[in-house]
Amino acid sequence: MNAKTKKTLLISTIIVLLVVNISALSTIIYNKKVHAKKQDKISNVQDEIRKQGMRRFFQEELNLSEEQFHEFKIINTKYSQDSRKIAFQMRKKRYEMMKEIAKKNPNSGNLDQIALDIGSLHYDLKKLTINHFMELKDICNEEQQEILHKMFIQMLSVQDGERMERRHKRKNKDEHGKYRQQRNIKGSD
C-alpha cells in the first residue's frame, strides 16, 4: 500500500469515527432532553395532586358533576380504608417473617406460610385496586373514561419511573460502594 492510499484510508477512518461520535453524542443529548421533559410533566402532575388533593384533582381533570363527585368520594374513601387495612396486614406479615428469619433456627414451614399469606394479601390488594378503578370508570361518561384511562396510564408511568429511578440510584450506590471496598482492600495490601 502506498503512502497516498494509507493517508486516504486514515482520513476516511477519522471522518467515520467523528460522524459516529457526533451521532452518539446527539442521541445521548436528545434522550436526556426527552427524559427531562417527561420528568417535568410527571412532577407537575404530582405537584397538582399535592396542592389540590387527589379528589379535587380527579374532579377537575375529569370534569365530574356534583353527583359524580359525591359517588367518587364514597368509592375513594372505601378504597382508602380497605387498602390501608390490607397494607397494615402485609406489614405485620413482613415483620413476622423478619422475626422468624432472625431466630437461631428459623422454621421454613412458618416462612413458607408467611410468604403465602403475603402473596395472598398482595393479590387481595391488586383485586381491590382493579375493582376500585372499575367503579371509578362506571361513574364516568365515555369522554371522561378516555381521560381516566390516560390518567391511569400516567399514574403507572409515574410509579414505574420512580421505581426505575430508585433502582438506578441503588445500582449507582452499590457500584460506588464496591469501588470503595475495592480501594480499601487494595489500600490494606
N, C-alpha and C. Protein backbone atom coordinates (compact mmCIF):
# COMPACT_ATOMS: atom_id res chain seq x y z
N MET A 1 0.85 -1.16 0.00
CA MET A 1 0.00 0.00 0.00
C MET A 1 0.90 1.23 0.00
N ASN A 2 0.63 2.15 -0.91
CA ASN A 2 1.47 3.34 -0.96
C ASN A 2 1.04 4.38 0.07
N ALA A 3 1.82 5.41 0.25
CA ALA A 3 1.60 6.42 1.28
C ALA A 3 0.31 7.18 1.05
N LYS A 4 -0.02 7.47 -0.22
CA LYS A 4 -1.25 8.22 -0.52
C LYS A 4 -2.49 7.41 -0.14
N THR A 5 -2.50 6.13 -0.41
CA THR A 5 -3.62 5.25 -0.07
C THR A 5 -3.77 5.14 1.45
N LYS A 6 -2.66 5.00 2.14
CA LYS A 6 -2.70 4.94 3.61
C LYS A 6 -3.28 6.22 4.19
N LYS A 7 -2.84 7.34 3.65
CA LYS A 7 -3.30 8.64 4.13
C LYS A 7 -4.81 8.80 3.89
N THR A 8 -5.27 8.41 2.71
CA THR A 8 -6.70 8.48 2.37
C THR A 8 -7.51 7.57 3.29
N LEU A 9 -7.01 6.38 3.52
CA LEU A 9 -7.68 5.43 4.40
C LEU A 9 -7.75 5.95 5.84
N LEU A 10 -6.67 6.54 6.30
CA LEU A 10 -6.62 7.11 7.65
C LEU A 10 -7.60 8.27 7.80
N ILE A 11 -7.63 9.15 6.81
CA ILE A 11 -8.56 10.29 6.85
C ILE A 11 -10.00 9.79 6.80
N SER A 12 -10.29 8.81 5.97
CA SER A 12 -11.65 8.24 5.88
C SER A 12 -12.06 7.63 7.22
N THR A 13 -11.15 6.91 7.84
CA THR A 13 -11.44 6.29 9.14
C THR A 13 -11.71 7.35 10.19
N ILE A 14 -10.92 8.41 10.21
CA ILE A 14 -11.12 9.50 11.17
C ILE A 14 -12.48 10.16 10.95
N ILE A 15 -12.85 10.39 9.70
CA ILE A 15 -14.15 11.01 9.40
C ILE A 15 -15.29 10.11 9.87
N VAL A 16 -15.20 8.82 9.58
CA VAL A 16 -16.25 7.88 10.01
C VAL A 16 -16.36 7.87 11.54
N LEU A 17 -15.24 7.81 12.24
CA LEU A 17 -15.26 7.81 13.71
C LEU A 17 -15.84 9.11 14.24
N LEU A 18 -15.51 10.22 13.60
CA LEU A 18 -16.04 11.52 14.01
C LEU A 18 -17.56 11.56 13.86
N VAL A 19 -18.06 11.06 12.72
CA VAL A 19 -19.50 11.01 12.48
C VAL A 19 -20.19 10.11 13.51
N VAL A 20 -19.60 8.97 13.80
CA VAL A 20 -20.17 8.05 14.79
C VAL A 20 -20.22 8.71 16.17
N ASN A 21 -19.16 9.37 16.57
CA ASN A 21 -19.13 10.04 17.88
C ASN A 21 -20.14 11.17 17.96
N ILE A 22 -20.25 11.96 16.90
CA ILE A 22 -21.24 13.05 16.88
C ILE A 22 -22.65 12.48 16.97
N SER A 23 -22.91 11.40 16.24
CA SER A 23 -24.23 10.76 16.29
C SER A 23 -24.53 10.24 17.70
N ALA A 24 -23.56 9.61 18.30
CA ALA A 24 -23.76 9.08 19.65
C ALA A 24 -24.04 10.21 20.64
N LEU A 25 -23.26 11.27 20.58
CA LEU A 25 -23.47 12.41 21.48
C LEU A 25 -24.83 13.05 21.25
N SER A 26 -25.22 13.19 19.99
CA SER A 26 -26.54 13.76 19.68
C SER A 26 -27.65 12.91 20.26
N THR A 27 -27.54 11.61 20.13
CA THR A 27 -28.55 10.69 20.67
C THR A 27 -28.63 10.81 22.18
N ILE A 28 -27.49 10.86 22.84
CA ILE A 28 -27.47 10.98 24.31
C ILE A 28 -28.13 12.28 24.74
N ILE A 29 -27.77 13.38 24.10
CA ILE A 29 -28.35 14.69 24.46
C ILE A 29 -29.85 14.70 24.21
N TYR A 30 -30.27 14.18 23.07
CA TYR A 30 -31.69 14.12 22.76
C TYR A 30 -32.46 13.31 23.79
N ASN A 31 -31.95 12.12 24.14
CA ASN A 31 -32.62 11.27 25.12
C ASN A 31 -32.70 11.93 26.49
N LYS A 32 -31.65 12.65 26.88
CA LYS A 32 -31.69 13.36 28.16
C LYS A 32 -32.77 14.42 28.16
N LYS A 33 -32.91 15.15 27.05
CA LYS A 33 -33.94 16.19 26.96
C LYS A 33 -35.33 15.58 27.01
N VAL A 34 -35.54 14.50 26.28
CA VAL A 34 -36.84 13.84 26.28
C VAL A 34 -37.17 13.33 27.69
N HIS A 35 -36.18 12.70 28.34
CA HIS A 35 -36.38 12.21 29.70
C HIS A 35 -36.69 13.36 30.66
N ALA A 36 -35.99 14.47 30.50
CA ALA A 36 -36.21 15.63 31.38
C ALA A 36 -37.63 16.17 31.19
N LYS A 37 -38.10 16.22 29.94
CA LYS A 37 -39.47 16.70 29.69
C LYS A 37 -40.50 15.79 30.35
N LYS A 38 -40.29 14.47 30.23
CA LYS A 38 -41.21 13.52 30.86
C LYS A 38 -41.21 13.71 32.37
N GLN A 39 -40.02 13.85 32.95
CA GLN A 39 -39.91 14.02 34.40
C GLN A 39 -40.59 15.32 34.84
N ASP A 40 -40.44 16.39 34.05
CA ASP A 40 -41.10 17.65 34.38
C ASP A 40 -42.61 17.49 34.36
N LYS A 41 -43.11 16.80 33.36
CA LYS A 41 -44.56 16.58 33.25
C LYS A 41 -45.06 15.77 34.45
N ILE A 42 -44.33 14.73 34.80
CA ILE A 42 -44.71 13.90 35.94
C ILE A 42 -44.68 14.72 37.22
N SER A 43 -43.65 15.52 37.39
CA SER A 43 -43.53 16.37 38.59
C SER A 43 -44.67 17.36 38.67
N ASN A 44 -45.05 17.93 37.53
CA ASN A 44 -46.16 18.89 37.52
C ASN A 44 -47.46 18.23 37.96
N VAL A 45 -47.71 17.02 37.46
CA VAL A 45 -48.93 16.29 37.85
C VAL A 45 -48.89 16.00 39.35
N GLN A 46 -47.74 15.54 39.85
CA GLN A 46 -47.62 15.24 41.28
C GLN A 46 -47.83 16.50 42.12
N ASP A 47 -47.27 17.63 41.67
CA ASP A 47 -47.46 18.89 42.40
C ASP A 47 -48.92 19.29 42.44
N GLU A 48 -49.61 19.14 41.30
CA GLU A 48 -51.03 19.47 41.24
C GLU A 48 -51.83 18.61 42.22
N ILE A 49 -51.52 17.33 42.24
CA ILE A 49 -52.23 16.42 43.15
C ILE A 49 -51.98 16.83 44.59
N ARG A 50 -50.72 17.16 44.93
CA ARG A 50 -50.41 17.57 46.30
C ARG A 50 -51.14 18.86 46.67
N LYS A 51 -51.18 19.81 45.74
CA LYS A 51 -51.82 21.10 46.01
C LYS A 51 -53.32 20.94 46.20
N GLN A 52 -53.95 20.24 45.28
CA GLN A 52 -55.41 20.14 45.28
C GLN A 52 -55.95 18.98 46.09
N GLY A 53 -55.17 17.99 46.29
CA GLY A 53 -55.68 16.76 46.86
C GLY A 53 -56.17 15.87 45.73
N MET A 54 -56.10 14.58 45.96
CA MET A 54 -56.44 13.61 44.91
C MET A 54 -57.89 13.78 44.44
N ARG A 55 -58.79 13.98 45.35
CA ARG A 55 -60.20 14.06 44.96
C ARG A 55 -60.47 15.26 44.06
N ARG A 56 -59.99 16.42 44.47
CA ARG A 56 -60.21 17.64 43.66
C ARG A 56 -59.49 17.53 42.32
N PHE A 57 -58.32 16.91 42.35
CA PHE A 57 -57.58 16.73 41.10
C PHE A 57 -58.42 15.91 40.12
N PHE A 58 -58.97 14.79 40.58
CA PHE A 58 -59.81 13.96 39.72
C PHE A 58 -61.05 14.72 39.27
N GLN A 59 -61.67 15.46 40.18
CA GLN A 59 -62.87 16.20 39.83
C GLN A 59 -62.59 17.19 38.71
N GLU A 60 -61.49 17.90 38.82
CA GLU A 60 -61.17 18.90 37.80
C GLU A 60 -60.72 18.26 36.49
N GLU A 61 -59.87 17.24 36.59
CA GLU A 61 -59.37 16.60 35.36
C GLU A 61 -60.49 15.92 34.58
N LEU A 62 -61.42 15.30 35.30
CA LEU A 62 -62.50 14.56 34.65
C LEU A 62 -63.74 15.42 34.44
N ASN A 63 -63.74 16.62 35.03
CA ASN A 63 -64.91 17.50 34.96
C ASN A 63 -66.15 16.77 35.48
N LEU A 64 -66.03 16.24 36.69
CA LEU A 64 -67.11 15.47 37.30
C LEU A 64 -68.24 16.40 37.75
N SER A 65 -69.47 15.93 37.56
CA SER A 65 -70.62 16.66 38.09
C SER A 65 -70.63 16.50 39.61
N GLU A 66 -71.48 17.25 40.28
CA GLU A 66 -71.57 17.13 41.74
C GLU A 66 -71.98 15.72 42.15
N GLU A 67 -72.93 15.15 41.41
CA GLU A 67 -73.38 13.78 41.72
C GLU A 67 -72.24 12.77 41.52
N GLN A 68 -71.52 12.90 40.41
CA GLN A 68 -70.39 12.01 40.16
C GLN A 68 -69.31 12.18 41.23
N PHE A 69 -69.07 13.44 41.60
CA PHE A 69 -68.03 13.70 42.60
C PHE A 69 -68.42 13.10 43.95
N HIS A 70 -69.70 13.16 44.28
CA HIS A 70 -70.18 12.56 45.53
C HIS A 70 -69.94 11.04 45.51
N GLU A 71 -70.29 10.39 44.40
CA GLU A 71 -70.05 8.95 44.26
C GLU A 71 -68.56 8.65 44.32
N PHE A 72 -67.77 9.49 43.66
CA PHE A 72 -66.31 9.31 43.65
C PHE A 72 -65.76 9.35 45.07
N LYS A 73 -66.22 10.31 45.87
CA LYS A 73 -65.73 10.42 47.26
C LYS A 73 -66.06 9.16 48.06
N ILE A 74 -67.26 8.65 47.89
CA ILE A 74 -67.67 7.44 48.61
C ILE A 74 -66.79 6.26 48.20
N ILE A 75 -66.63 6.07 46.89
CA ILE A 75 -65.81 4.97 46.37
C ILE A 75 -64.37 5.10 46.84
N ASN A 76 -63.84 6.31 46.76
CA ASN A 76 -62.44 6.55 47.12
C ASN A 76 -62.20 6.36 48.62
N THR A 77 -63.14 6.80 49.43
CA THR A 77 -63.00 6.64 50.88
C THR A 77 -62.98 5.17 51.26
N LYS A 78 -63.90 4.40 50.68
CA LYS A 78 -63.93 2.96 50.98
C LYS A 78 -62.65 2.28 50.53
N TYR A 79 -62.19 2.62 49.33
CA TYR A 79 -60.95 2.02 48.81
C TYR A 79 -59.78 2.36 49.74
N SER A 80 -59.69 3.61 50.15
CA SER A 80 -58.58 4.03 51.02
C SER A 80 -58.57 3.25 52.32
N GLN A 81 -59.75 3.11 52.92
CA GLN A 81 -59.84 2.37 54.19
C GLN A 81 -59.45 0.91 54.00
N ASP A 82 -60.02 0.28 52.97
CA ASP A 82 -59.76 -1.15 52.74
C ASP A 82 -58.29 -1.40 52.37
N SER A 83 -57.72 -0.53 51.53
CA SER A 83 -56.33 -0.74 51.12
C SER A 83 -55.37 -0.51 52.29
N ARG A 84 -55.70 0.43 53.17
CA ARG A 84 -54.86 0.64 54.36
C ARG A 84 -54.87 -0.59 55.26
N LYS A 85 -56.04 -1.21 55.41
CA LYS A 85 -56.14 -2.42 56.24
C LYS A 85 -55.25 -3.53 55.67
N ILE A 86 -55.32 -3.73 54.36
CA ILE A 86 -54.52 -4.79 53.74
C ILE A 86 -53.04 -4.45 53.85
N ALA A 87 -52.68 -3.19 53.61
CA ALA A 87 -51.27 -2.78 53.71
C ALA A 87 -50.75 -2.99 55.13
N PHE A 88 -51.60 -2.73 56.12
CA PHE A 88 -51.21 -2.94 57.52
C PHE A 88 -50.98 -4.44 57.78
N GLN A 89 -51.86 -5.27 57.26
CA GLN A 89 -51.71 -6.72 57.43
C GLN A 89 -50.42 -7.21 56.75
N MET A 90 -50.11 -6.64 55.60
CA MET A 90 -48.88 -7.03 54.90
C MET A 90 -47.65 -6.63 55.72
N ARG A 91 -47.68 -5.44 56.31
CA ARG A 91 -46.55 -5.02 57.16
C ARG A 91 -46.39 -5.95 58.35
N LYS A 92 -47.52 -6.36 58.95
CA LYS A 92 -47.46 -7.29 60.08
C LYS A 92 -46.83 -8.61 59.64
N LYS A 93 -47.23 -9.11 58.49
CA LYS A 93 -46.69 -10.39 58.00
C LYS A 93 -45.19 -10.26 57.69
N ARG A 94 -44.78 -9.14 57.13
CA ARG A 94 -43.34 -8.94 56.86
C ARG A 94 -42.55 -8.91 58.17
N TYR A 95 -43.15 -8.29 59.18
CA TYR A 95 -42.50 -8.24 60.49
C TYR A 95 -42.37 -9.65 61.07
N GLU A 96 -43.46 -10.43 60.95
CA GLU A 96 -43.42 -11.84 61.41
C GLU A 96 -42.31 -12.60 60.68
N MET A 97 -42.21 -12.37 59.38
CA MET A 97 -41.20 -13.04 58.58
C MET A 97 -39.79 -12.68 59.08
N MET A 98 -39.56 -11.41 59.33
CA MET A 98 -38.24 -10.99 59.79
C MET A 98 -37.93 -11.55 61.18
N LYS A 99 -38.96 -11.62 62.04
CA LYS A 99 -38.77 -12.22 63.36
C LYS A 99 -38.39 -13.69 63.23
N GLU A 100 -39.06 -14.39 62.33
CA GLU A 100 -38.78 -15.82 62.13
C GLU A 100 -37.37 -16.01 61.56
N ILE A 101 -37.02 -15.19 60.60
CA ILE A 101 -35.68 -15.29 59.99
C ILE A 101 -34.60 -15.02 61.03
N ALA A 102 -34.87 -14.11 61.95
CA ALA A 102 -33.87 -13.72 62.95
C ALA A 102 -33.66 -14.80 64.02
N LYS A 103 -34.57 -15.76 64.11
CA LYS A 103 -34.41 -16.82 65.10
C LYS A 103 -33.17 -17.64 64.82
N LYS A 104 -32.67 -18.24 65.87
CA LYS A 104 -31.47 -19.08 65.72
C LYS A 104 -31.74 -20.23 64.74
N ASN A 105 -32.90 -20.85 64.85
CA ASN A 105 -33.29 -21.94 63.95
C ASN A 105 -34.65 -21.60 63.33
N PRO A 106 -34.67 -20.79 62.27
CA PRO A 106 -35.96 -20.41 61.66
C PRO A 106 -36.68 -21.64 61.10
N ASN A 107 -37.98 -21.62 61.22
CA ASN A 107 -38.82 -22.71 60.74
C ASN A 107 -39.22 -22.41 59.29
N SER A 108 -38.72 -23.21 58.36
CA SER A 108 -39.01 -22.95 56.95
C SER A 108 -40.49 -23.13 56.63
N GLY A 109 -41.17 -23.99 57.35
CA GLY A 109 -42.62 -24.15 57.17
C GLY A 109 -43.36 -22.87 57.51
N ASN A 110 -42.97 -22.24 58.64
CA ASN A 110 -43.57 -20.96 59.01
C ASN A 110 -43.28 -19.89 57.97
N LEU A 111 -42.03 -19.86 57.50
CA LEU A 111 -41.64 -18.87 56.49
C LEU A 111 -42.42 -19.06 55.19
N ASP A 112 -42.61 -20.32 54.79
CA ASP A 112 -43.40 -20.60 53.59
C ASP A 112 -44.83 -20.10 53.75
N GLN A 113 -45.41 -20.36 54.93
CA GLN A 113 -46.79 -19.93 55.17
C GLN A 113 -46.89 -18.41 55.17
N ILE A 114 -45.92 -17.74 55.78
CA ILE A 114 -45.93 -16.27 55.79
C ILE A 114 -45.82 -15.74 54.36
N ALA A 115 -44.94 -16.36 53.56
CA ALA A 115 -44.79 -15.93 52.16
C ALA A 115 -46.11 -16.10 51.41
N LEU A 116 -46.80 -17.22 51.65
CA LEU A 116 -48.11 -17.44 51.02
C LEU A 116 -49.12 -16.39 51.47
N ASP A 117 -49.11 -16.09 52.76
CA ASP A 117 -50.03 -15.08 53.31
C ASP A 117 -49.77 -13.72 52.68
N ILE A 118 -48.49 -13.34 52.56
CA ILE A 118 -48.15 -12.05 51.95
C ILE A 118 -48.60 -12.04 50.49
N GLY A 119 -48.35 -13.12 49.79
CA GLY A 119 -48.78 -13.22 48.39
C GLY A 119 -50.29 -13.09 48.26
N SER A 120 -51.02 -13.73 49.15
CA SER A 120 -52.48 -13.65 49.13
C SER A 120 -52.96 -12.22 49.42
N LEU A 121 -52.32 -11.57 50.38
CA LEU A 121 -52.68 -10.18 50.70
C LEU A 121 -52.36 -9.26 49.51
N HIS A 122 -51.24 -9.51 48.86
CA HIS A 122 -50.89 -8.70 47.69
C HIS A 122 -51.93 -8.89 46.59
N TYR A 123 -52.36 -10.13 46.39
CA TYR A 123 -53.42 -10.42 45.43
C TYR A 123 -54.70 -9.66 45.81
N ASP A 124 -55.06 -9.71 47.09
CA ASP A 124 -56.26 -9.00 47.56
C ASP A 124 -56.16 -7.50 47.27
N LEU A 125 -54.98 -6.94 47.48
CA LEU A 125 -54.78 -5.52 47.25
C LEU A 125 -54.91 -5.19 45.76
N LYS A 126 -54.36 -6.03 44.91
CA LYS A 126 -54.47 -5.79 43.46
C LYS A 126 -55.92 -5.91 43.01
N LYS A 127 -56.64 -6.91 43.51
CA LYS A 127 -58.06 -7.06 43.16
C LYS A 127 -58.86 -5.85 43.64
N LEU A 128 -58.56 -5.38 44.84
CA LEU A 128 -59.23 -4.20 45.39
C LEU A 128 -58.98 -3.00 44.48
N THR A 129 -57.74 -2.84 44.03
CA THR A 129 -57.39 -1.71 43.16
C THR A 129 -58.11 -1.82 41.82
N ILE A 130 -58.15 -3.02 41.26
CA ILE A 130 -58.86 -3.23 39.99
C ILE A 130 -60.34 -2.87 40.16
N ASN A 131 -60.96 -3.38 41.22
CA ASN A 131 -62.38 -3.08 41.45
C ASN A 131 -62.61 -1.59 41.67
N HIS A 132 -61.68 -0.95 42.36
CA HIS A 132 -61.78 0.50 42.61
C HIS A 132 -61.75 1.25 41.27
N PHE A 133 -60.82 0.91 40.41
CA PHE A 133 -60.73 1.60 39.13
C PHE A 133 -61.96 1.30 38.26
N MET A 134 -62.47 0.08 38.34
CA MET A 134 -63.68 -0.25 37.58
C MET A 134 -64.88 0.55 38.08
N GLU A 135 -64.98 0.72 39.40
CA GLU A 135 -66.07 1.54 39.95
C GLU A 135 -65.93 2.99 39.52
N LEU A 136 -64.70 3.50 39.51
CA LEU A 136 -64.48 4.87 39.05
C LEU A 136 -64.91 5.00 37.59
N LYS A 137 -64.53 4.02 36.80
CA LYS A 137 -64.88 4.03 35.39
C LYS A 137 -66.39 4.02 35.20
N ASP A 138 -67.09 3.26 36.04
CA ASP A 138 -68.55 3.15 35.91
C ASP A 138 -69.28 4.47 36.15
N ILE A 139 -68.72 5.35 36.95
CA ILE A 139 -69.43 6.62 37.21
C ILE A 139 -69.12 7.67 36.14
N CYS A 140 -68.20 7.36 35.22
CA CYS A 140 -67.79 8.31 34.18
C CYS A 140 -68.54 8.07 32.87
N ASN A 141 -68.74 9.16 32.12
CA ASN A 141 -69.28 9.00 30.77
C ASN A 141 -68.12 8.61 29.84
N GLU A 142 -68.42 8.39 28.56
CA GLU A 142 -67.39 7.90 27.63
C GLU A 142 -66.20 8.85 27.53
N GLU A 143 -66.46 10.13 27.43
CA GLU A 143 -65.38 11.12 27.31
C GLU A 143 -64.51 11.11 28.57
N GLN A 144 -65.16 11.05 29.72
CA GLN A 144 -64.43 11.01 31.00
C GLN A 144 -63.64 9.71 31.13
N GLN A 145 -64.18 8.61 30.62
CA GLN A 145 -63.48 7.34 30.67
C GLN A 145 -62.17 7.39 29.88
N GLU A 146 -62.19 8.07 28.74
CA GLU A 146 -60.96 8.22 27.95
C GLU A 146 -59.91 9.01 28.74
N ILE A 147 -60.35 10.07 29.40
CA ILE A 147 -59.43 10.88 30.21
C ILE A 147 -58.93 10.05 31.38
N LEU A 148 -59.83 9.31 32.01
CA LEU A 148 -59.46 8.46 33.14
C LEU A 148 -58.42 7.42 32.72
N HIS A 149 -58.63 6.83 31.55
CA HIS A 149 -57.68 5.84 31.03
C HIS A 149 -56.29 6.48 30.89
N LYS A 150 -56.22 7.67 30.33
CA LYS A 150 -54.94 8.37 30.18
C LYS A 150 -54.32 8.66 31.55
N MET A 151 -55.17 9.00 32.51
CA MET A 151 -54.66 9.27 33.87
C MET A 151 -54.09 8.00 34.48
N PHE A 152 -54.76 6.87 34.28
CA PHE A 152 -54.25 5.60 34.80
C PHE A 152 -52.89 5.28 34.20
N ILE A 153 -52.78 5.45 32.88
CA ILE A 153 -51.51 5.18 32.20
C ILE A 153 -50.43 6.10 32.76
N GLN A 154 -50.78 7.35 32.97
CA GLN A 154 -49.80 8.31 33.50
C GLN A 154 -49.39 7.93 34.92
N MET A 155 -50.35 7.49 35.74
CA MET A 155 -50.02 7.08 37.11
C MET A 155 -49.07 5.89 37.09
N LEU A 156 -49.31 4.92 36.19
CA LEU A 156 -48.42 3.78 36.07
C LEU A 156 -47.03 4.22 35.65
N SER A 157 -46.97 5.16 34.71
CA SER A 157 -45.68 5.68 34.25
C SER A 157 -44.93 6.35 35.38
N VAL A 158 -45.65 7.11 36.20
CA VAL A 158 -45.02 7.78 37.34
C VAL A 158 -44.45 6.73 38.28
N GLN A 159 -45.26 5.71 38.62
CA GLN A 159 -44.80 4.67 39.54
C GLN A 159 -43.62 3.92 38.95
N ASP A 160 -43.71 3.56 37.67
CA ASP A 160 -42.60 2.85 37.03
C ASP A 160 -41.36 3.71 36.97
N GLY A 161 -41.55 4.99 36.67
CA GLY A 161 -40.41 5.91 36.62
C GLY A 161 -39.74 6.06 37.96
N GLU A 162 -40.54 6.14 39.03
CA GLU A 162 -39.97 6.25 40.37
C GLU A 162 -39.23 4.98 40.74
N ARG A 163 -39.78 3.82 40.38
CA ARG A 163 -39.10 2.55 40.65
C ARG A 163 -37.78 2.49 39.91
N MET A 164 -37.81 2.89 38.64
CA MET A 164 -36.58 2.86 37.83
C MET A 164 -35.53 3.79 38.43
N GLU A 165 -35.98 4.98 38.88
CA GLU A 165 -35.04 5.92 39.49
C GLU A 165 -34.43 5.33 40.75
N ARG A 166 -35.26 4.71 41.59
CA ARG A 166 -34.74 4.11 42.82
C ARG A 166 -33.75 3.01 42.51
N ARG A 167 -34.07 2.17 41.50
CA ARG A 167 -33.16 1.10 41.11
C ARG A 167 -31.84 1.67 40.61
N HIS A 168 -31.95 2.72 39.80
CA HIS A 168 -30.75 3.34 39.24
C HIS A 168 -29.89 3.92 40.36
N LYS A 169 -30.53 4.61 41.30
CA LYS A 169 -29.78 5.18 42.43
C LYS A 169 -29.13 4.08 43.25
N ARG A 170 -29.89 3.00 43.50
CA ARG A 170 -29.34 1.88 44.27
C ARG A 170 -28.16 1.25 43.55
N LYS A 171 -28.31 1.07 42.24
CA LYS A 171 -27.25 0.46 41.45
C LYS A 171 -26.00 1.33 41.52
N ASN A 172 -26.17 2.64 41.32
CA ASN A 172 -25.02 3.54 41.38
C ASN A 172 -24.41 3.54 42.77
N LYS A 173 -25.25 3.49 43.78
CA LYS A 173 -24.74 3.46 45.15
C LYS A 173 -23.97 2.17 45.40
N ASP A 174 -24.53 1.05 44.91
CA ASP A 174 -23.86 -0.24 45.06
C ASP A 174 -22.53 -0.24 44.35
N GLU A 175 -22.50 0.28 43.12
CA GLU A 175 -21.25 0.30 42.36
C GLU A 175 -20.22 1.18 43.05
N HIS A 176 -20.69 2.31 43.59
CA HIS A 176 -19.78 3.21 44.30
C HIS A 176 -19.24 2.51 45.54
N GLY A 177 -20.12 1.79 46.23
CA GLY A 177 -19.70 1.06 47.42
C GLY A 177 -18.68 -0.02 47.08
N LYS A 178 -18.91 -0.73 45.96
CA LYS A 178 -17.96 -1.77 45.53
C LYS A 178 -16.61 -1.14 45.22
N TYR A 179 -16.64 0.01 44.55
CA TYR A 179 -15.39 0.69 44.22
C TYR A 179 -14.65 1.06 45.49
N ARG A 180 -15.39 1.59 46.45
CA ARG A 180 -14.79 1.98 47.72
C ARG A 180 -14.20 0.77 48.44
N GLN A 181 -14.94 -0.34 48.42
CA GLN A 181 -14.45 -1.57 49.07
C GLN A 181 -13.18 -2.06 48.38
N GLN A 182 -13.18 -2.04 47.06
CA GLN A 182 -12.01 -2.49 46.32
C GLN A 182 -10.81 -1.60 46.65
N ARG A 183 -11.06 -0.30 46.72
CA ARG A 183 -9.99 0.63 47.03
C ARG A 183 -9.44 0.37 48.42
N ASN A 184 -10.37 0.12 49.37
CA ASN A 184 -9.93 -0.15 50.75
C ASN A 184 -9.14 -1.45 50.83
N ILE A 185 -9.57 -2.46 50.07
CA ILE A 185 -8.86 -3.74 50.09
C ILE A 185 -7.46 -3.55 49.51
N LYS A 186 -7.38 -2.84 48.38
CA LYS A 186 -6.07 -2.60 47.75
C LYS A 186 -5.18 -1.77 48.67
N GLY A 187 -5.80 -0.82 49.39
CA GLY A 187 -5.02 0.04 50.29
C GLY A 187 -4.47 -0.73 51.46
N SER A 188 -5.16 -1.80 51.87
CA SER A 188 -4.70 -2.56 53.04
C SER A 188 -3.64 -3.59 52.68
N ASP A 189 -3.43 -3.83 51.36
CA ASP A 189 -2.42 -4.83 50.94
C ASP A 189 -1.03 -4.39 51.23
